[in-house]
Protein backbone atom coordinates (compact mmCIF):
# COMPACT_ATOMS: atom_id res chain seq x y z
CA MET A 1 16.94 2.13 -9.42
CA ILE A 2 15.90 1.49 -5.76
CA THR A 3 13.87 -1.76 -5.30
CA ALA A 4 12.10 -3.38 -2.14
CA SER A 5 9.88 -6.17 -1.11
CA GLY A 6 8.02 -7.66 1.81
CA PRO A 7 5.03 -7.27 3.71
CA LEU A 8 3.03 -4.22 4.60
CA PHE A 9 -0.52 -3.58 6.28
CA LEU A 10 -3.06 -1.55 4.54
CA GLY A 11 -4.13 1.71 6.54
CA LYS A 12 -7.54 3.12 7.38
CA THR A 13 -7.55 4.95 4.09
CA ARG A 14 -9.57 2.97 1.13
CA PRO A 15 -7.39 1.98 -1.87
CA LEU A 16 -8.36 4.58 -4.80
CA ALA A 17 -8.92 3.16 -8.01
CA THR A 18 -8.58 5.58 -10.98
CA GLN A 19 -8.17 5.80 -14.75
CA ALA A 20 -5.65 7.75 -16.52
CA ALA A 21 -6.66 9.72 -19.62
CA ASP A 22 -5.10 7.07 -21.91
CA GLY A 23 -7.29 4.28 -20.14
CA THR A 24 -4.64 2.77 -17.89
CA PHE A 25 -6.06 1.54 -14.67
CA ALA A 26 -4.46 2.48 -11.49
CA LEU A 27 -4.75 1.77 -7.87
CA THR A 28 -3.29 3.76 -5.11
CA LEU A 29 -2.90 1.92 -1.66
CA LEU A 30 -2.00 3.49 1.62
CA ALA A 31 0.09 1.08 3.71
CA HIS A 32 1.93 1.05 6.75
CA ASP A 33 5.37 -0.78 7.76
CA ARG A 34 5.11 -1.73 11.49
CA ILE A 35 8.67 -1.14 12.37
CA GLY A 36 8.18 -1.23 16.12
CA VAL A 37 5.72 -0.23 18.88
CA HIS A 38 6.12 3.56 18.19
CA LYS A 39 7.49 3.15 14.89
CA VAL A 40 5.34 3.39 11.74
CA GLU A 41 6.46 4.17 8.37
CA PRO A 42 3.65 5.56 5.74
CA TRP A 43 3.91 4.24 2.25
CA ARG A 44 2.01 5.29 -0.62
CA ILE A 45 2.09 2.65 -3.51
CA ASN A 46 0.88 3.23 -6.84
CA PHE A 47 -0.03 -0.02 -8.74
CA ALA A 48 -0.87 0.59 -12.48
CA GLY A 49 -1.83 -1.42 -15.60
CA PRO A 50 -3.47 -4.74 -16.39
CA GLN A 51 -2.13 -6.54 -13.45
CA ALA A 52 -3.46 -4.10 -11.15
CA PHE A 53 -6.91 -4.07 -12.56
CA LEU A 54 -6.86 -8.09 -12.25
CA PHE A 55 -5.73 -7.84 -8.57
CA TYR A 56 -8.39 -5.27 -7.95
CA GLU A 57 -11.27 -7.09 -9.51
CA ALA A 58 -10.30 -10.16 -7.78
CA HIS A 59 -9.58 -8.88 -4.05
CA GLY A 60 -11.39 -5.28 -3.81
CA PRO A 61 -13.80 -5.99 -1.43
CA GLU A 62 -10.71 -7.67 0.93
CA LEU A 63 -8.68 -4.64 0.62
CA GLN A 64 -9.71 -3.49 4.18
CA PRO A 65 -7.94 -1.62 7.06
CA GLY A 66 -5.19 -4.07 8.48
CA GLN A 67 -5.04 -6.51 5.69
CA PRO A 68 -1.55 -7.32 5.35
CA ILE A 69 0.08 -7.56 1.70
CA ARG A 70 3.42 -8.59 0.24
CA VAL A 71 4.70 -6.17 -2.15
CA GLN A 72 7.43 -5.80 -4.89
CA LEU A 73 8.33 -2.18 -5.39
CA SER A 74 10.23 -0.02 -7.49
CA GLU A 75 10.85 3.94 -7.96
CA LEU A 76 10.86 4.57 -4.25
CA ARG A 77 11.06 8.10 -3.13
CA SER A 78 10.82 9.78 0.35
CA PHE A 79 8.37 12.70 0.52
CA THR A 80 7.61 15.21 3.30
CA ASN A 81 4.28 16.51 3.94
CA GLY A 82 4.35 20.30 4.19
CA ARG A 83 1.56 20.61 6.65
CA ASN A 84 3.14 18.41 9.36
CA GLY A 85 6.33 17.59 8.10
CA ALA A 86 5.85 13.73 8.43
CA ALA A 87 7.56 11.61 5.72
CA GLU A 88 6.03 9.07 3.32
CA ILE A 89 7.58 6.48 1.08
CA HIS A 90 6.31 6.72 -2.76
CA ALA A 91 6.74 3.54 -4.77
CA ARG A 92 5.54 2.03 -8.02
CA ALA A 93 4.12 -1.54 -7.37
CA GLU A 94 5.51 -4.44 -9.79
CA ARG A 95 3.42 -6.74 -7.68
CA VAL A 96 1.03 -7.08 -4.99
CA GLU A 97 -0.56 -9.99 -3.04
CA LEU A 98 -2.69 -10.61 -0.25
CA LEU A 99 -1.51 -12.34 2.99
CA PRO A 100 -3.57 -14.21 5.59
CA ARG A 101 -5.16 -11.95 7.94
CA LEU A 102 -3.61 -11.78 11.51
CA HIS A 103 -5.30 -12.35 15.10
CA GLN A 104 -7.53 -9.33 15.33
CA HIS A 105 -5.68 -7.47 18.29
CA THR A 106 -2.61 -7.52 15.92
CA GLN A 107 -4.48 -6.18 12.79
CA GLU A 108 -5.92 -3.26 14.90
CA SER A 109 -2.59 -2.24 16.13
CA CYS A 110 -1.28 -1.85 12.49
CA THR A 111 -4.02 0.32 10.91
CA ASN A 112 -2.97 3.50 12.55
C-alpha cells in the first residue's frame, strides 16, 4: 500500500460532508500541493469515520481556501479527468490536522 504524509493547502472548493447509507460520516477535502511557481498538484482526500466527524465538528468553520493542513494518507491513486485530461491524486486520510495560517499573500497564491 502506498502512503504519504505532509502539508497541503485547501482549495477553493468547500469541503463536502456526507453520510453513507450505513451511517458512516465522510468528509471530502480538495487540496493542493504547491510544488513550484507554476506547478500545483490537486488532491482529493476522503476522510471517513468517527475521527473525521470529530475533526469536522471541531474545525468546520476553519476549513477555508488556503488553510494549510497536515495529512497522513493511504491508498493513493492518480486519476485523469476525462474532460480536460488533468491529473488528480485521490487518497484516504488516516489523519488530518490544521496548521497555522501563513501570511495572506502566500495563502492567496496557494488557493488556485
